[in-house]
Amino acid sequence: MNAGYNPPNNEIIFPAGILQSPLFDPTADDAVNYGGMGAIIGHELTHGFDDQGRRFDAKGNLSDWWTPDDRKAFEERAQCIIDQFNGYEVEKGLNQKGELVVGESIADLGGLTIAYAALQKSMEGKPRPKNIDGFTPEQRFFLAYAHNWATNMRPEYARFLAVQDPHPLAKFRANGPLSNMPEFAEAFQCKAGSPMVRPKRCQIW
């Protein structure tokens, strides 16, 4: 059970099975649902403009429809993501392969950025939501996103995924995009130089 993006049909797919807790909960507050399911919806939308999806036009045809300048700027920004994930150590002597995971990592960062903007838009013109359990709406959003990737795996499985899976390991999917977002640093008062504030911020969209 998973969401998906299908380039030839120019469609995103969300099976009913994914629309349940903890990703979506009609009894939860908006911040949690935007950070959970909202980030996944944004992720699939962003796949239309990642390293592979951008090669398909609005009709689902394989077409080089970007200008040379746009393509060059995109590739330069994507390289930042590649370099970031190349630096993540799975275990001594084995790192994530940035080129392998760049598409999913672009979609994670783009989806999180879209979902956060949507949350902020949803709060406009309304009384600010109260803190819950001591957490602001922004903090709850980011906690819900991180909760998406709560995972426990054996080292052998982590090694297996690192060499063949286009998705980064779950802990890097949580920390990677968040460390590129000044909104996260502001929400949790992360200072420059902290592990969750990258000195070179990656931004695609």
C-alpha atoms as a PDB file:
ATOM      1  CA  MET A   1       0.000   0.000   0.000  1.00  0.00           C
ATOM      2  CA  ASN A   2       1.601   3.204  -1.149  1.00  0.00           C
ATOM      3  CA  ALA A   3       0.962   6.385  -3.071  1.00  0.00           C
ATOM      4  CA  GLY A   4       2.443   6.771  -6.524  1.00  0.00           C
ATOM      5  CA  TYR A   5       3.076   8.973  -9.547  1.00  0.00           C
ATOM      6  CA  ASN A   6       2.553   7.650 -13.065  1.00  0.00           C
ATOM      7  CA  PRO A   7       4.319   9.867 -15.655  1.00  0.00           C
ATOM      8  CA  PRO A   8       2.744   8.448 -18.864  1.00  0.00           C
ATOM      9  CA  ASN A   9      -0.750   9.088 -17.463  1.00  0.00           C
ATOM     10  CA  ASN A  10       0.306  12.305 -15.711  1.00  0.00           C
ATOM     11  CA  GLU A  11      -1.485  11.093 -12.584  1.00  0.00           C
ATOM     12  CA  ILE A  12      -0.899  10.704  -8.884  1.00  0.00           C
ATOM     13  CA  ILE A  13      -2.522   7.816  -7.025  1.00  0.00           C
ATOM     14  CA  PHE A  14      -3.560   7.540  -3.377  1.00  0.00           C
ATOM     15  CA  PRO A  15      -5.092   4.171  -2.456  1.00  0.00           C
ATOM     16  CA  ALA A  16      -7.786   4.290   0.215  1.00  0.00           C
ATOM     17  CA  GLY A  17      -5.517   2.241   2.469  1.00  0.00           C
ATOM     18  CA  ILE A  18      -3.033   5.075   2.846  1.00  0.00           C
ATOM     19  CA  LEU A  19      -5.685   7.533   4.019  1.00  0.00           C
ATOM     20  CA  GLN A  20      -5.662   6.381   7.620  1.00  0.00           C
ATOM     21  CA  SER A  21      -3.777   7.017  10.837  1.00  0.00           C
ATOM     22  CA  PRO A  22      -0.999   7.898  11.328  1.00  0.00           C
ATOM     23  CA  LEU A  23      -0.753   9.494   7.867  1.00  0.00           C
ATOM     24  CA  PHE A  24      -4.288  10.882   7.890  1.00  0.00           C
ATOM     25  CA  ASP A  25      -6.610  11.084  10.866  1.00  0.00           C
ATOM     26  CA  PRO A  26      -9.882  13.045  10.632  1.00  0.00           C
ATOM     27  CA  THR A  27      -9.808  13.508  14.399  1.00  0.00           C
ATOM     28  CA  ALA A  28      -6.291  15.006  14.383  1.00  0.00           C
ATOM     29  CA  ASP A  29      -5.574  18.700  14.046  1.00  0.00           C
ATOM     30  CA  ASP A  30      -4.678  20.210  10.674  1.00  0.00           C
ATOM     31  CA  ALA A  31      -0.973  20.539  11.420  1.00  0.00           C
ATOM     32  CA  VAL A  32      -0.605  16.800  11.951  1.00  0.00           C
ATOM     33  CA  ASN A  33      -2.522  15.904   8.789  1.00  0.00           C
ATOM     34  CA  TYR A  34      -0.592  18.403   6.667  1.00  0.00           C
ATOM     35  CA  GLY A  35       2.694  17.047   8.020  1.00  0.00           C
ATOM     36  CA  GLY A  36       1.584  13.455   7.449  1.00  0.00           C
ATOM     37  CA  MET A  37      -0.617  12.970   4.398  1.00  0.00           C
ATOM     38  CA  GLY A  38      -0.051  16.499   3.107  1.00  0.00           C
ATOM     39  CA  ALA A  39       3.672  15.863   2.711  1.00  0.00           C
ATOM     40  CA  ILE A  40       2.948  12.618   0.856  1.00  0.00           C
ATOM     41  CA  ILE A  41       0.551  14.355  -1.538  1.00  0.00           C
ATOM     42  CA  GLY A  42       3.177  17.051  -2.129  1.00  0.00           C
ATOM     43  CA  HIS A  43       5.807  14.350  -2.631  1.00  0.00           C
ATOM     44  CA  GLU A  44       3.830  12.738  -5.460  1.00  0.00           C
ATOM     45  CA  LEU A  45       3.120  16.114  -7.065  1.00  0.00           C
ATOM     46  CA  THR A  46       6.820  16.956  -6.981  1.00  0.00           C
ATOM     47  CA  HIS A  47       7.676  13.701  -8.761  1.00  0.00           C
ATOM     48  CA  GLY A  48       6.285  15.387 -11.866  1.00  0.00           C
ATOM     49  CA  PHE A  49       9.241  17.765 -11.679  1.00  0.00           C
ATOM     50  CA  ASP A  50      12.084  15.594 -10.367  1.00  0.00           C
ATOM     51  CA  ASP A  51      15.013  14.233 -12.375  1.00  0.00           C
ATOM     52  CA  GLN A  52      12.758  11.727 -14.168  1.00  0.00           C
ATOM     53  CA  GLY A  53       9.269  13.253 -14.085  1.00  0.00           C
ATOM     54  CA  ARG A  54      10.456  16.506 -15.634  1.00  0.00           C
ATOM     55  CA  ARG A  55      11.180  14.593 -18.830  1.00  0.00           C
ATOM     56  CA  PHE A  56       7.437  14.044 -19.419  1.00  0.00           C
ATOM     57  CA  ASP A  57       5.104  16.758 -20.690  1.00  0.00           C
ATOM     58  CA  ALA A  58       1.533  17.529 -19.577  1.00  0.00           C
ATOM     59  CA  LYS A  59       0.172  14.797 -21.864  1.00  0.00           C
ATOM     60  CA  GLY A  60       2.496  12.154 -20.468  1.00  0.00           C
ATOM     61  CA  ASN A  61       4.785  12.115 -23.497  1.00  0.00           C
ATOM     62  CA  LEU A  62       8.527  11.766 -23.104  1.00  0.00           C
ATOM     63  CA  SER A  63       9.544  15.259 -24.185  1.00  0.00           C
ATOM     64  CA  ASP A  64      12.392  17.659 -23.465  1.00  0.00           C
ATOM     65  CA  TRP A  65      10.090  20.624 -22.840  1.00  0.00           C
ATOM     66  CA  TRP A  66      12.348  22.669 -20.554  1.00  0.00           C
ATOM     67  CA  THR A  67      14.548  25.505 -21.786  1.00  0.00           C
ATOM     68  CA  PRO A  68      18.314  24.901 -21.652  1.00  0.00           C
ATOM     69  CA  ASP A  69      18.664  27.540 -18.914  1.00  0.00           C
ATOM     70  CA  ASP A  70      15.936  25.957 -16.788  1.00  0.00           C
ATOM     71  CA  ARG A  71      17.474  22.519 -17.227  1.00  0.00           C
ATOM     72  CA  LYS A  72      20.938  23.784 -16.246  1.00  0.00           C
ATOM     73  CA  ALA A  73      19.602  25.551 -13.141  1.00  0.00           C
ATOM     74  CA  PHE A  74      17.671  22.431 -12.125  1.00  0.00           C
ATOM     75  CA  GLU A  75      20.707  20.193 -12.545  1.00  0.00           C
ATOM     76  CA  GLU A  76      22.820  22.530 -10.422  1.00  0.00           C
ATOM     77  CA  ARG A  77      20.222  22.487  -7.644  1.00  0.00           C
ATOM     78  CA  ALA A  78      19.800  18.723  -7.918  1.00  0.00           C
ATOM     79  CA  GLN A  79      23.563  18.328  -7.479  1.00  0.00           C
ATOM     80  CA  CYS A  80      23.210  19.900  -4.043  1.00  0.00           C
ATOM     81  CA  ILE A  81      20.801  17.099  -3.089  1.00  0.00           C
ATOM     82  CA  ILE A  82      23.132  14.470  -4.557  1.00  0.00           C
ATOM     83  CA  ASP A  83      26.069  15.827  -2.558  1.00  0.00           C
ATOM     84  CA  GLN A  84      23.982  15.969   0.616  1.00  0.00           C
ATOM     85  CA  PHE A  85      22.912  12.342   0.432  1.00  0.00           C
ATOM     86  CA  ASN A  86      26.345  11.136  -0.637  1.00  0.00           C
ATOM     87  CA  GLY A  87      27.459  12.428   2.752  1.00  0.00           C
ATOM     88  CA  TYR A  88      25.060  10.265   4.782  1.00  0.00           C
ATOM     89  CA  GLU A  89      26.858   7.281   6.274  1.00  0.00           C
ATOM     90  CA  VAL A  90      24.834   4.075   6.495  1.00  0.00           C
ATOM     91  CA  GLU A  91      27.699   2.364   8.271  1.00  0.00           C
ATOM     92  CA  LYS A  92      31.473   2.657   8.198  1.00  0.00           C
ATOM     93  CA  GLY A  93      32.554   2.408   4.570  1.00  0.00           C
ATOM     94  CA  LEU A  94      29.051   2.630   3.128  1.00  0.00           C
ATOM     95  CA  ASN A  95      27.208   5.856   2.330  1.00  0.00           C
ATOM     96  CA  GLN A  96      23.946   6.586   0.616  1.00  0.00           C
ATOM     97  CA  LYS A  97      24.328   6.928  -3.144  1.00  0.00           C
ATOM     98  CA  GLY A  98      23.171  10.434  -3.995  1.00  0.00           C
ATOM     99  CA  GLU A  99      22.650   9.725  -7.701  1.00  0.00           C
ATOM    100  CA  LEU A 100      20.451   6.734  -6.838  1.00  0.00           C
ATOM    101  CA  VAL A 101      18.180   8.563  -4.390  1.00  0.00           C
ATOM    102  CA  VAL A 102      18.076  12.039  -5.951  1.00  0.00           C
ATOM    103  CA  GLY A 103      14.567  11.720  -7.400  1.00  0.00           C
ATOM    104  CA  GLU A 104      12.952  10.586  -4.166  1.00  0.00           C
ATOM    105  CA  SER A 105      14.939  13.133  -2.179  1.00  0.00           C
ATOM    106  CA  ILE A 106      13.817  15.963  -4.450  1.00  0.00           C
ATOM    107  CA  ALA A 107      10.228  14.772  -4.034  1.00  0.00           C
ATOM    108  CA  ASP A 108      10.595  14.602  -0.239  1.00  0.00           C
ATOM    109  CA  LEU A 109      11.917  18.154  -0.014  1.00  0.00           C
ATOM    110  CA  GLY A 110       9.415  19.509  -2.525  1.00  0.00           C
ATOM    111  CA  GLY A 111       6.495  17.709  -0.910  1.00  0.00           C
ATOM    112  CA  LEU A 112       7.403  18.955   2.539  1.00  0.00           C
ATOM    113  CA  THR A 113       7.776  22.517   1.256  1.00  0.00           C
ATOM    114  CA  ILE A 114       4.383  22.377  -0.493  1.00  0.00           C
ATOM    115  CA  ALA A 115       2.643  20.890   2.541  1.00  0.00           C
ATOM    116  CA  TYR A 116       4.122  23.483   4.895  1.00  0.00           C
ATOM    117  CA  ALA A 117       3.012  26.325   2.614  1.00  0.00           C
ATOM    118  CA  ALA A 118      -0.467  24.764   2.464  1.00  0.00           C
ATOM    119  CA  LEU A 119      -0.631  24.589   6.267  1.00  0.00           C
ATOM    120  CA  GLN A 120       0.316  28.250   6.554  1.00  0.00           C
ATOM    121  CA  LYS A 121      -2.300  29.137   3.925  1.00  0.00           C
ATOM    122  CA  SER A 122      -4.950  27.171   5.807  1.00  0.00           C
ATOM    123  CA  MET A 123      -4.338  29.238   8.956  1.00  0.00           C
ATOM    124  CA  GLU A 124      -4.725  32.617   7.274  1.00  0.00           C
ATOM    125  CA  GLY A 125      -7.601  34.726   8.552  1.00  0.00           C
ATOM    126  CA  LYS A 126      -8.335  32.376  11.451  1.00  0.00           C
ATOM    127  CA  PRO A 127      -7.458  32.411  15.148  1.00  0.00           C
ATOM    128  CA  ARG A 128      -4.063  30.786  15.613  1.00  0.00           C
ATOM    129  CA  PRO A 129      -4.416  27.141  16.696  1.00  0.00           C
ATOM    130  CA  LYS A 130      -3.461  26.513  20.301  1.00  0.00           C
ATOM    131  CA  ASN A 131      -0.387  24.592  21.305  1.00  0.00           C
ATOM    132  CA  ILE A 132      -1.010  20.901  21.948  1.00  0.00           C
ATOM    133  CA  ASP A 133       1.139  19.039  24.482  1.00  0.00           C
ATOM    134  CA  GLY A 134       3.413  22.074  24.456  1.00  0.00           C
ATOM    135  CA  PHE A 135       3.999  21.984  20.678  1.00  0.00           C
ATOM    136  CA  THR A 136       3.132  24.782  18.251  1.00  0.00           C
ATOM    137  CA  PRO A 137       1.285  23.995  14.994  1.00  0.00           C
ATOM    138  CA  GLU A 138       4.571  24.306  13.102  1.00  0.00           C
ATOM    139  CA  GLN A 139       6.309  21.905  15.477  1.00  0.00           C
ATOM    140  CA  ARG A 140       3.425  19.436  15.231  1.00  0.00           C
ATOM    141  CA  PHE A 141       3.660  19.592  11.438  1.00  0.00           C
ATOM    142  CA  PHE A 142       7.331  18.650  11.446  1.00  0.00           C
ATOM    143  CA  LEU A 143       6.875  15.984  14.115  1.00  0.00           C
ATOM    144  CA  ALA A 144       4.106  14.388  12.051  1.00  0.00           C
ATOM    145  CA  TYR A 145       6.369  14.371   8.997  1.00  0.00           C
ATOM    146  CA  ALA A 146       9.189  12.726  10.950  1.00  0.00           C
ATOM    147  CA  HIS A 147       6.705  10.195  12.324  1.00  0.00           C
ATOM    148  CA  ASN A 148       6.078   9.066   8.724  1.00  0.00           C
ATOM    149  CA  TRP A 149       9.579   7.578   8.748  1.00  0.00           C
ATOM    150  CA  ALA A 150       9.623   5.888  12.160  1.00  0.00           C
ATOM    151  CA  THR A 151      11.393   2.658  11.251  1.00  0.00           C
ATOM    152  CA  ASN A 152      13.386  -0.115  12.848  1.00  0.00           C
ATOM    153  CA  MET A 153      15.578  -2.276  10.629  1.00  0.00           C
ATOM    154  CA  ARG A 154      18.520  -4.619  10.909  1.00  0.00           C
ATOM    155  CA  PRO A 155      21.927  -3.452   9.629  1.00  0.00           C
ATOM    156  CA  GLU A 156      21.815  -6.133   6.929  1.00  0.00           C
ATOM    157  CA  TYR A 157      18.565  -4.728   5.543  1.00  0.00           C
ATOM    158  CA  ALA A 158      19.899  -1.171   5.699  1.00  0.00           C
ATOM    159  CA  ARG A 159      22.905  -2.263   3.621  1.00  0.00           C
ATOM    160  CA  PHE A 160      20.627  -3.993   1.123  1.00  0.00           C
ATOM    161  CA  LEU A 161      18.472  -0.883   0.690  1.00  0.00           C
ATOM    162  CA  ALA A 162      21.419   1.491   0.471  1.00  0.00           C
ATOM    163  CA  VAL A 163      22.862  -0.192  -2.610  1.00  0.00           C
ATOM    164  CA  GLN A 164      19.678  -0.702  -4.648  1.00  0.00           C
ATOM    165  CA  ASP A 165      16.693   1.291  -3.370  1.00  0.00           C
ATOM    166  CA  PRO A 166      15.988   4.706  -4.988  1.00  0.00           C
ATOM    167  CA  HIS A 167      14.505   5.776  -1.647  1.00  0.00           C
ATOM    168  CA  PRO A 168      16.966   6.910   1.034  1.00  0.00           C
ATOM    169  CA  LEU A 169      16.926   5.140   4.378  1.00  0.00           C
ATOM    170  CA  ALA A 170      14.061   6.359   6.543  1.00  0.00           C
ATOM    171  CA  LYS A 171      16.216   8.316   8.997  1.00  0.00           C
ATOM    172  CA  PHE A 172      17.746  10.294   6.146  1.00  0.00           C
ATOM    173  CA  ARG A 173      14.307  10.899   4.612  1.00  0.00           C
ATOM    174  CA  ALA A 174      13.312  12.469   7.921  1.00  0.00           C
ATOM    175  CA  ASN A 175      16.422  14.502   8.675  1.00  0.00           C
ATOM    176  CA  GLY A 176      17.531  15.331   5.125  1.00  0.00           C
ATOM    177  CA  PRO A 177      14.675  17.563   3.965  1.00  0.00           C
ATOM    178  CA  LEU A 178      14.134  19.113   7.397  1.00  0.00           C
ATOM    179  CA  SER A 179      17.761  20.202   7.610  1.00  0.00           C
ATOM    180  CA  ASN A 180      17.242  22.204   4.397  1.00  0.00           C
ATOM    181  CA  MET A 181      14.241  24.118   5.715  1.00  0.00           C
ATOM    182  CA  PRO A 182      14.729  27.399   7.591  1.00  0.00           C
ATOM    183  CA  GLU A 183      11.113  26.978   8.736  1.00  0.00           C
ATOM    184  CA  PHE A 184      12.135  23.871  10.686  1.00  0.00           C
ATOM    185  CA  ALA A 185      15.100  25.656  12.249  1.00  0.00           C
ATOM    186  CA  GLU A 186      12.825  28.521  13.275  1.00  0.00           C
ATOM    187  CA  ALA A 187      10.168  26.204  14.708  1.00  0.00           C
ATOM    188  CA  PHE A 188      12.662  24.401  16.942  1.00  0.00           C
ATOM    189  CA  GLN A 189      15.121  27.275  17.488  1.00  0.00           C
ATOM    190  CA  CYS A 190      17.988  25.421  15.797  1.00  0.00           C
ATOM    191  CA  LYS A 191      21.064  27.617  15.643  1.00  0.00           C
ATOM    192  CA  ALA A 192      23.562  27.782  12.792  1.00  0.00           C
ATOM    193  CA  GLY A 193      26.050  24.959  13.122  1.00  0.00           C
ATOM    194  CA  SER A 194      23.587  22.527  14.680  1.00  0.00           C
ATOM    195  CA  PRO A 195      23.204  19.082  13.044  1.00  0.00           C
ATOM    196  CA  MET A 196      19.768  19.997  11.689  1.00  0.00           C
ATOM    197  CA  VAL A 197      20.919  23.190   9.945  1.00  0.00           C
ATOM    198  CA  ARG A 198      22.891  22.524   6.790  1.00  0.00           C
ATOM    199  CA  PRO A 199      25.614  25.099   6.052  1.00  0.00           C
ATOM    200  CA  LYS A 200      24.697  24.835   2.362  1.00  0.00           C
ATOM    201  CA  ARG A 201      20.939  24.745   2.041  1.00  0.00           C
ATOM    202  CA  CYS A 202      19.492  22.766  -0.875  1.00  0.00           C
ATOM    203  CA  GLN A 203      16.373  24.122  -2.538  1.00  0.00           C
ATOM    204  CA  ILE A 204      14.858  22.897  -5.776  1.00  0.00           C
ATOM    205  CA  TRP A 205      11.486  24.626  -5.868  1.00  0.00           C
END
